[in-house]
Amino acid sequence: MNDINPRDPLHGVTLERIVTELVDQFGWEVLGQRIPIRCFTHDPSVKSSLRFLRKTPWAREKVEGLYLSSMRDRSGNPL
């Protein structure tokens, strides 16, 4: 049976794309204020953030949630 949910708004979106788009939209400083994790607040980089987020499910969930929220805000349509 196919476990992929075709209505999953994150389907096909890489974590790298999510982090990059959030940094482009908010910048590191604001991103670190919205999600206060060290990889966003102290010497941030996409590479270090990806390493941390891949190992830390709760942080990844927060980042994905912010990404979905920002996508809704930009499009005006619920995902």
N, C-alpha and C. Protein backbone atom coordinates (compact mmCIF):
# COMPACT_ATOMS: atom_id res chain seq x y z
N MET A 1 0.84 -1.18 0.00
CA MET A 1 0.00 0.00 0.00
C MET A 1 0.89 1.24 0.00
N ASN A 2 0.46 2.26 -0.68
CA ASN A 2 1.24 3.49 -0.82
C ASN A 2 1.07 4.36 0.43
N ASP A 3 2.19 4.68 1.11
CA ASP A 3 2.15 5.47 2.33
C ASP A 3 2.22 6.97 2.08
N ILE A 4 2.42 7.38 0.84
CA ILE A 4 2.56 8.80 0.54
C ILE A 4 1.18 9.44 0.44
N ASN A 5 0.99 10.50 1.19
CA ASN A 5 -0.26 11.23 1.18
C ASN A 5 -0.20 12.28 0.07
N PRO A 6 -1.02 12.16 -0.97
CA PRO A 6 -0.95 13.10 -2.07
C PRO A 6 -1.36 14.52 -1.67
N ARG A 7 -2.00 14.68 -0.53
CA ARG A 7 -2.43 16.01 -0.07
C ARG A 7 -1.44 16.62 0.91
N ASP A 8 -0.33 15.94 1.14
CA ASP A 8 0.70 16.46 2.03
C ASP A 8 1.38 17.66 1.37
N PRO A 9 1.24 18.86 1.94
CA PRO A 9 1.83 20.04 1.31
C PRO A 9 3.35 20.04 1.29
N LEU A 10 3.97 19.19 2.11
CA LEU A 10 5.43 19.12 2.13
C LEU A 10 5.99 18.03 1.21
N HIS A 11 5.11 17.29 0.56
CA HIS A 11 5.56 16.22 -0.33
C HIS A 11 6.41 16.80 -1.45
N GLY A 12 7.63 16.31 -1.57
CA GLY A 12 8.54 16.75 -2.62
C GLY A 12 9.34 18.00 -2.28
N VAL A 13 9.12 18.58 -1.10
CA VAL A 13 9.86 19.78 -0.69
C VAL A 13 11.00 19.34 0.22
N THR A 14 12.22 19.66 -0.17
CA THR A 14 13.37 19.24 0.64
C THR A 14 13.52 20.15 1.86
N LEU A 15 14.16 19.62 2.87
CA LEU A 15 14.44 20.41 4.07
C LEU A 15 15.35 21.58 3.72
N GLU A 16 16.27 21.38 2.81
CA GLU A 16 17.16 22.47 2.39
C GLU A 16 16.35 23.61 1.76
N ARG A 17 15.39 23.27 0.94
CA ARG A 17 14.54 24.30 0.33
C ARG A 17 13.74 25.05 1.39
N ILE A 18 13.21 24.31 2.36
CA ILE A 18 12.43 24.92 3.44
C ILE A 18 13.29 25.94 4.20
N VAL A 19 14.48 25.52 4.63
CA VAL A 19 15.36 26.41 5.39
C VAL A 19 15.77 27.61 4.54
N THR A 20 16.14 27.37 3.30
CA THR A 20 16.57 28.46 2.42
C THR A 20 15.46 29.48 2.21
N GLU A 21 14.24 29.01 1.97
CA GLU A 21 13.13 29.93 1.76
C GLU A 21 12.79 30.71 3.03
N LEU A 22 12.87 30.06 4.17
CA LEU A 22 12.61 30.77 5.42
C LEU A 22 13.67 31.83 5.69
N VAL A 23 14.92 31.52 5.40
CA VAL A 23 16.00 32.50 5.58
C VAL A 23 15.80 33.66 4.61
N ASP A 24 15.43 33.36 3.37
CA ASP A 24 15.17 34.42 2.39
C ASP A 24 14.02 35.31 2.83
N GLN A 25 13.00 34.71 3.39
CA GLN A 25 11.81 35.46 3.79
C GLN A 25 12.03 36.25 5.09
N PHE A 26 12.63 35.62 6.10
CA PHE A 26 12.73 36.24 7.42
C PHE A 26 14.12 36.75 7.76
N GLY A 27 15.15 36.11 7.25
CA GLY A 27 16.52 36.39 7.68
C GLY A 27 16.83 35.55 8.91
N TRP A 28 18.12 35.37 9.18
CA TRP A 28 18.53 34.52 10.30
C TRP A 28 18.08 35.08 11.64
N GLU A 29 18.17 36.40 11.80
CA GLU A 29 17.84 37.00 13.11
C GLU A 29 16.38 36.76 13.47
N VAL A 30 15.48 37.05 12.56
CA VAL A 30 14.04 36.87 12.82
C VAL A 30 13.71 35.38 12.94
N LEU A 31 14.34 34.57 12.10
CA LEU A 31 14.11 33.12 12.19
C LEU A 31 14.53 32.61 13.56
N GLY A 32 15.64 33.09 14.08
CA GLY A 32 16.11 32.71 15.41
C GLY A 32 15.19 33.20 16.52
N GLN A 33 14.51 34.31 16.28
CA GLN A 33 13.55 34.81 17.27
C GLN A 33 12.27 33.98 17.23
N ARG A 34 11.84 33.60 16.04
CA ARG A 34 10.61 32.80 15.92
C ARG A 34 10.80 31.37 16.39
N ILE A 35 11.97 30.80 16.09
CA ILE A 35 12.30 29.45 16.53
C ILE A 35 13.67 29.54 17.20
N PRO A 36 13.68 29.73 18.50
CA PRO A 36 14.96 29.98 19.20
C PRO A 36 15.78 28.70 19.41
N ILE A 37 16.45 28.31 18.35
CA ILE A 37 17.38 27.18 18.44
C ILE A 37 18.76 27.67 18.02
N ARG A 38 19.75 27.11 18.62
CA ARG A 38 21.13 27.58 18.47
C ARG A 38 21.59 27.64 17.00
N CYS A 39 21.17 26.70 16.19
CA CYS A 39 21.64 26.69 14.80
C CYS A 39 21.11 27.89 14.01
N PHE A 40 20.11 28.61 14.55
CA PHE A 40 19.60 29.82 13.91
C PHE A 40 20.13 31.08 14.58
N THR A 41 20.63 30.97 15.80
CA THR A 41 21.01 32.18 16.55
C THR A 41 22.51 32.38 16.69
N HIS A 42 23.32 31.35 16.60
CA HIS A 42 24.76 31.46 16.79
C HIS A 42 25.49 30.95 15.55
N ASP A 43 26.10 31.86 14.82
CA ASP A 43 26.85 31.55 13.61
C ASP A 43 26.03 30.65 12.67
N PRO A 44 24.85 31.11 12.24
CA PRO A 44 23.95 30.27 11.46
C PRO A 44 24.43 30.03 10.02
N SER A 45 24.12 28.86 9.53
CA SER A 45 24.35 28.53 8.12
C SER A 45 23.33 27.47 7.74
N VAL A 46 23.06 27.37 6.46
CA VAL A 46 22.11 26.35 6.00
C VAL A 46 22.66 24.97 6.33
N LYS A 47 23.95 24.76 6.11
CA LYS A 47 24.55 23.45 6.34
C LYS A 47 24.43 23.01 7.80
N SER A 48 24.76 23.90 8.74
CA SER A 48 24.69 23.51 10.15
C SER A 48 23.24 23.33 10.58
N SER A 49 22.35 24.13 10.04
CA SER A 49 20.93 24.00 10.37
C SER A 49 20.37 22.66 9.88
N LEU A 50 20.72 22.29 8.67
CA LEU A 50 20.26 21.00 8.13
C LEU A 50 20.76 19.84 8.97
N ARG A 51 22.02 19.91 9.37
CA ARG A 51 22.60 18.83 10.19
C ARG A 51 21.81 18.68 11.49
N PHE A 52 21.51 19.81 12.14
CA PHE A 52 20.77 19.77 13.40
C PHE A 52 19.33 19.31 13.19
N LEU A 53 18.65 19.88 12.20
CA LEU A 53 17.24 19.57 12.00
C LEU A 53 17.01 18.12 11.60
N ARG A 54 17.94 17.53 10.89
CA ARG A 54 17.79 16.12 10.50
C ARG A 54 17.91 15.18 11.70
N LYS A 55 18.60 15.63 12.74
CA LYS A 55 18.78 14.81 13.94
C LYS A 55 17.78 15.11 15.05
N THR A 56 17.00 16.19 14.89
CA THR A 56 16.16 16.67 15.98
C THR A 56 14.71 16.84 15.50
N PRO A 57 13.90 15.79 15.66
CA PRO A 57 12.54 15.83 15.12
C PRO A 57 11.67 16.98 15.62
N TRP A 58 11.77 17.35 16.91
CA TRP A 58 10.91 18.42 17.42
C TRP A 58 11.25 19.76 16.76
N ALA A 59 12.53 20.00 16.50
CA ALA A 59 12.94 21.25 15.85
C ALA A 59 12.51 21.26 14.39
N ARG A 60 12.64 20.12 13.74
CA ARG A 60 12.22 20.02 12.34
C ARG A 60 10.72 20.29 12.22
N GLU A 61 9.94 19.76 13.15
CA GLU A 61 8.49 20.00 13.13
C GLU A 61 8.17 21.49 13.25
N LYS A 62 8.90 22.19 14.11
CA LYS A 62 8.68 23.63 14.26
C LYS A 62 9.02 24.38 12.97
N VAL A 63 10.12 24.00 12.33
CA VAL A 63 10.53 24.65 11.09
C VAL A 63 9.52 24.36 9.99
N GLU A 64 9.09 23.12 9.88
CA GLU A 64 8.08 22.77 8.86
C GLU A 64 6.77 23.50 9.12
N GLY A 65 6.40 23.64 10.39
CA GLY A 65 5.18 24.36 10.74
C GLY A 65 5.26 25.83 10.35
N LEU A 66 6.40 26.45 10.61
CA LEU A 66 6.59 27.85 10.23
C LEU A 66 6.56 28.00 8.71
N TYR A 67 7.17 27.06 8.01
CA TYR A 67 7.17 27.09 6.54
C TYR A 67 5.74 27.00 6.00
N LEU A 68 4.96 26.07 6.53
CA LEU A 68 3.57 25.93 6.07
C LEU A 68 2.76 27.18 6.39
N SER A 69 2.98 27.73 7.56
CA SER A 69 2.28 28.96 7.95
C SER A 69 2.65 30.11 7.02
N SER A 70 3.92 30.23 6.72
CA SER A 70 4.36 31.32 5.84
C SER A 70 3.84 31.13 4.42
N MET A 71 3.73 29.87 3.98
CA MET A 71 3.17 29.60 2.65
C MET A 71 1.71 29.99 2.60
N ARG A 72 0.96 29.69 3.66
CA ARG A 72 -0.45 30.09 3.74
C ARG A 72 -0.59 31.61 3.70
N ASP A 73 0.27 32.27 4.47
CA ASP A 73 0.21 33.73 4.53
C ASP A 73 0.53 34.37 3.18
N ARG A 74 1.50 33.81 2.47
CA ARG A 74 1.88 34.38 1.18
C ARG A 74 0.83 34.13 0.10
N SER A 75 0.24 32.95 0.12
CA SER A 75 -0.71 32.62 -0.94
C SER A 75 -2.13 33.04 -0.63
N GLY A 76 -2.43 33.17 0.66
CA GLY A 76 -3.79 33.50 1.05
C GLY A 76 -4.71 32.31 1.00
N ASN A 77 -4.19 31.16 0.60
CA ASN A 77 -4.98 29.93 0.51
C ASN A 77 -4.49 28.94 1.56
N PRO A 78 -5.39 28.28 2.25
CA PRO A 78 -4.95 27.24 3.19
C PRO A 78 -4.36 26.07 2.44
N LEU A 79 -3.30 25.49 3.01
CA LEU A 79 -2.68 24.30 2.38
C LEU A 79 -3.33 23.05 2.90
